[in-house]
Amino acid sequence: MSKLTDLRNKVLGRPEDVAASKAADAALHANSRREQKAGIDWETDEFLELNAAACKAAKKLPRWRGGHR
């Protein structure tokens, strides 16, 4: 890779990591909306699993991109 691409990935995050983080966040928020509509107001096992996955995906991103949660 070129130095410019390395710098871009460091500053903006690798495109596949950004996509994975967005997908994990979307799944977490969709689950939260479903649970809210169902009247569930506690952290279910599914929520905890999705939240852990979103946090794991965010660790690969720069802080300003939503990383390091």
Protein backbone atom coordinates (compact mmCIF):
# COMPACT_ATOMS: atom_id res chain seq x y z
CA MET A 1 0.00 0.00 0.00
CA SER A 2 1.06 3.54 -0.56
CA LYS A 3 1.83 5.84 2.32
CA LEU A 4 -1.19 7.95 1.42
CA THR A 5 -3.51 4.95 1.68
CA ASP A 6 -1.97 3.99 5.02
CA LEU A 7 -2.51 7.52 6.32
CA ARG A 8 -6.09 7.56 5.04
CA ASN A 9 -6.84 4.28 6.78
CA LYS A 10 -5.29 5.53 10.02
CA VAL A 11 -7.23 8.81 9.97
CA LEU A 12 -10.57 7.66 8.55
CA GLY A 13 -10.52 3.97 9.42
CA ARG A 14 -10.37 1.07 7.01
CA PRO A 15 -13.51 0.94 4.84
CA GLU A 16 -14.34 -2.63 5.91
CA ASP A 17 -14.02 -1.67 9.60
CA VAL A 18 -16.29 1.34 9.09
CA ALA A 19 -18.87 -0.84 7.34
CA ALA A 20 -18.70 -3.48 10.08
CA SER A 21 -19.20 -0.85 12.77
CA LYS A 22 -22.16 0.70 10.96
CA ALA A 23 -23.76 -2.73 10.50
CA ALA A 24 -23.28 -3.60 14.17
CA ASP A 25 -24.75 -0.26 15.26
CA ALA A 26 -27.71 -0.71 12.92
CA ALA A 27 -28.43 -4.19 14.31
CA LEU A 28 -28.20 -2.87 17.88
CA HIS A 29 -30.56 0.04 17.19
CA ALA A 30 -33.04 -2.16 15.31
CA ASN A 31 -33.11 -4.56 18.26
CA SER A 32 -33.58 -1.66 20.69
CA ARG A 33 -36.55 -0.36 18.68
CA ARG A 34 -38.14 -3.84 18.59
CA GLU A 35 -37.68 -4.28 22.33
CA GLN A 36 -39.04 -0.82 23.06
CA LYS A 37 -42.17 -1.52 20.98
CA ALA A 38 -42.60 -4.80 22.87
CA GLY A 39 -42.44 -2.95 26.19
CA ILE A 40 -39.12 -4.46 27.23
CA ASP A 41 -37.23 -1.93 29.33
CA TRP A 42 -34.32 -4.04 30.57
CA GLU A 43 -31.13 -5.24 28.93
CA THR A 44 -31.88 -8.61 27.35
CA ASP A 45 -29.24 -11.19 26.44
CA GLU A 46 -29.68 -10.31 22.76
CA PHE A 47 -29.12 -6.63 23.51
CA LEU A 48 -25.98 -7.40 25.50
CA GLU A 49 -24.58 -9.56 22.68
CA LEU A 50 -25.30 -6.92 20.04
CA ASN A 51 -23.87 -4.18 22.26
CA ALA A 52 -20.66 -6.18 22.79
CA ALA A 53 -20.37 -6.72 19.02
CA ALA A 54 -20.86 -2.98 18.37
CA CYS A 55 -18.20 -2.09 20.94
CA LYS A 56 -15.78 -4.63 19.49
CA ALA A 57 -16.30 -3.24 15.99
CA ALA A 58 -15.88 0.34 17.24
CA LYS A 59 -12.49 -0.46 18.79
CA LYS A 60 -11.04 -0.73 15.29
CA LEU A 61 -12.04 2.83 14.38
CA PRO A 62 -10.47 6.18 15.19
CA ARG A 63 -12.05 8.01 18.13
CA TRP A 64 -13.74 10.74 16.05
CA ARG A 65 -15.35 8.02 13.90
CA GLY A 66 -17.08 6.48 16.92
CA GLY A 67 -14.25 4.22 18.01
CA HIS A 68 -12.84 3.44 21.46
CA ARG A 69 -16.17 3.02 23.26
